[in-house]
Amino acid sequence: MAIRKAVKGTAVVASGGLVAFYGLTQLTEYRKKQARLSRVEAVEQVNMAFQDELPSRQAQLTALRNTQEFDVLVVGGGATGSGCALDAVTRNLKTALVERDDFSSGTSSRSTKLIHGGVRYLQKALVKLDYEQYMMVKEALHERSNLLNIAPHLTALLPIMLPIYKWWQLPYYWAGIKIYDLVAGAQCLKSSYILTKTKALELFPMLKRDKLVGAIVYYDGQEFDVRAKCVINATGPFTDALRKMDDQKNPNICQPSAGVHIVIPGYYSPDNMGLLDPATSDGRVIFFLPWEKMTIAGTTDTPTEITPHPIPMEEDINFILTEVRNYLSPDVEVRRGDVLAAWSGIRPLVTNPNSKDTQSICRNHIVHISDSGLVTIAGGKWTTYRSMAEDTLDAAVKAHNLSAGPSKTVGLMLEGAKDWTPTMYIRLVQDYGLEVEVAQHLASSYGGRAYEVAKMAHVTGKRWPIVGKRLVSEFPYIESEVQYAIKEYACTAIDVIARRTRLGFLNVQAAEEALPRIVDIMGKQLTWSEQRKREELSAAKQFLYYEMGYKARSEQLTDTSEITLTPAEVGRYMKRFHKFDKENKGFITTVDVQRVLESINVYIDADTLHEILNEVDLNKNGQVEFNEFLQLMSAVKKGQVSANRLAILMKTAEQSLDQTEPLEQREPVDQRKPVSVDRSGGGV
């Protein structure tokens, strides 16, 4: 189960392949046959009975406390640590895993959501004749292929477009991508291909047209003491902290690098095509990918301090936005206010303590065994978690003389994959009365376990859907997922919004809106006191504010924000403001707004209205002054704020009021259709 947490809820892309001696149909059949053989071999070799039901958290803690000695103790519950635990269990080793927070709560949950070989590493391997980087790409391509086979409900192919704006780049990049295909060998997915300018714009209409030559498309995807014969250090960026617990004299080998990602609305990219910027203004690589019906862009790569709570910086967010603007059409206004969420993950680059050159960064993973026997696995990449785990257990078995056979995880299906089919969501709709979008989400997130989630879903009381109450209207996450998350060891509200669902990573405002209901459900299931519920709500809001980009959003509109409006614009907004401020007080309150809305037969409950004004009430005195309103409209004009509910509501109300005025007194009406005052994206 742990390994599913490492990859659950992610959209995965895999890179392509070209084999000279196989036609596409033959190659597809060959891949299917190899996958079937791997799965059969893996299942036959794992001679143990797995429980269909997860033991309770209390039962797990009791076993951890009372077992006299484990063969293997893994420290760290990210992708690599979970992979090590799975590999150890399939070797019939008595295994324990401890994690100080939640599965994948660190770097593993903050990736680019991309299973890939590493085009940029292949480029460096060829230019610098670096065999290590070449082998890392080859290993990653093998692991990508394996993961597509063992977790079909969690992974999917996605073509990545590399736009070309100079003629000389076309043969250069085409040759590089074809070599990438060849390195994949028999584990290829689909061959890369060249697109004309017309076809590239047809598939990615948001692309900048000017000087576009064509494009190349490729495919990518503490509680007590625990005794164990062997301890595995799989703590990612915190590798050195555990190494120093083993021996204070151990030198630091981790050189942390921060990678920031942003999420923007789905209309910024096609549903079925990603984009690669191979050479940004400072030499980094930026991916631009559809993910969970949104668009994810990243990543940066800057030195950072090690912290359990990395925060996305405004400088990095703006860097990504600037690079995105360089590739999109001028018709597409890339606005800071459209950033729905942003996060930073710490990539644990390492130097190799086994090497004479201890200063050089190792791009591949390293396995090191200390004098005391501590096994450290560090470096590597998200895609290669399985092979990293295999290498780690091979070293651990040898160093500690453990009685175990070879790894059996190649082809071993992950949780949920066994009963999954591409059309199983239809059964969820037909058998349980779920919405199609919800059913598709459950099938792709839980695989065969989706039926358990559906069985727990509550009746809506509506004609349709029959069951499945959404946590928020615009996302397919339902209340029963919170109940199921508790069965899978979710202990906090953050566990649910960040890792059992991806709501916190997709839209921080939507996540904040869902929090009270999530806390209520968890409180009932886990018998929380009212004090504990308040603490959970506060902690989750802090998480969204600092780690998911809410803080950066709030800094776009402050009481010191510069107002850059023309005199005509100020006059227009003054007239709009005075329609609400009838007494010329210089400010408006919820009472003023409610009065105007009722006059045009619009009714919003008091709590929602308070939230709407609070977004603009910069000095938090319960009212919105005229200057604050001008700061808002200036921020909207500059693209720093988008889809603000008060701005849209006041504009809509003004237009309705103008319809009752004499024609000669009316202002020109913006012919664009007003957006609903419900949150329509709610940028950060």
Foldseek 3Di string as FASTA:
>chain_A
DLLLLLQFQFEEWAWFADADPDDPVRLVVVLVVVLVVLQVQLVVQQPDDDDPADDAPVVLVVCQAPDPAWAEEEEASHNQSVLLQVQCVSQVGRYHYDYPADRNLAQSLADLSYQYLDLPLLVCCVVVVPVLSLVSSLLSLLLQLLCCSQQVLRKDKFKAKEWDQDPVVVVVVVVSSNVSNVSSPSSGDHHKDWAALVVVCVQWVQWASPSTGTIIITIGTDDDDGHHLAYEYPHEQCSVVVVCVVPVPDDDWWFKWKWKKWKFALVNGDQGYKYWHCQAPVGDIKIWAQIQRIIMIIIDTGTDDDDRFDFDDPVRLVSRLVRSVVTGYPVDDRFQQRGQWMFMHIGTFGAEPVDPPRPDTNQAWDWDADPVGHTYIYHHDSSNSNVSSQVRVVVSCVSSVDPGDHGSPRSHHDQQAPQADQPVLVVLCVVQQADSQLSSSLCSRHHNCSVVLSVQWDQPPDPHSRTFDALADPHSHGPSLLVVVVSVPDDALCCVCVRSHNVLQHGVVSSLSSLVVSLVSNCVVVVDDPVVSVVRSVVNNVSSCGRTCVVVLLVLAAPPQDQDDDPVVLVVVVVLVCQQVVVPPQKHALVSLQVLCVVLPHDDDPVVSQVLQVSQCRVPPRIHGSSSVSSVVRSVVNSSHPLRLVVLSSLVSLVSVLVPDPPVPHDDRDPDDGDDSPRPSRGD
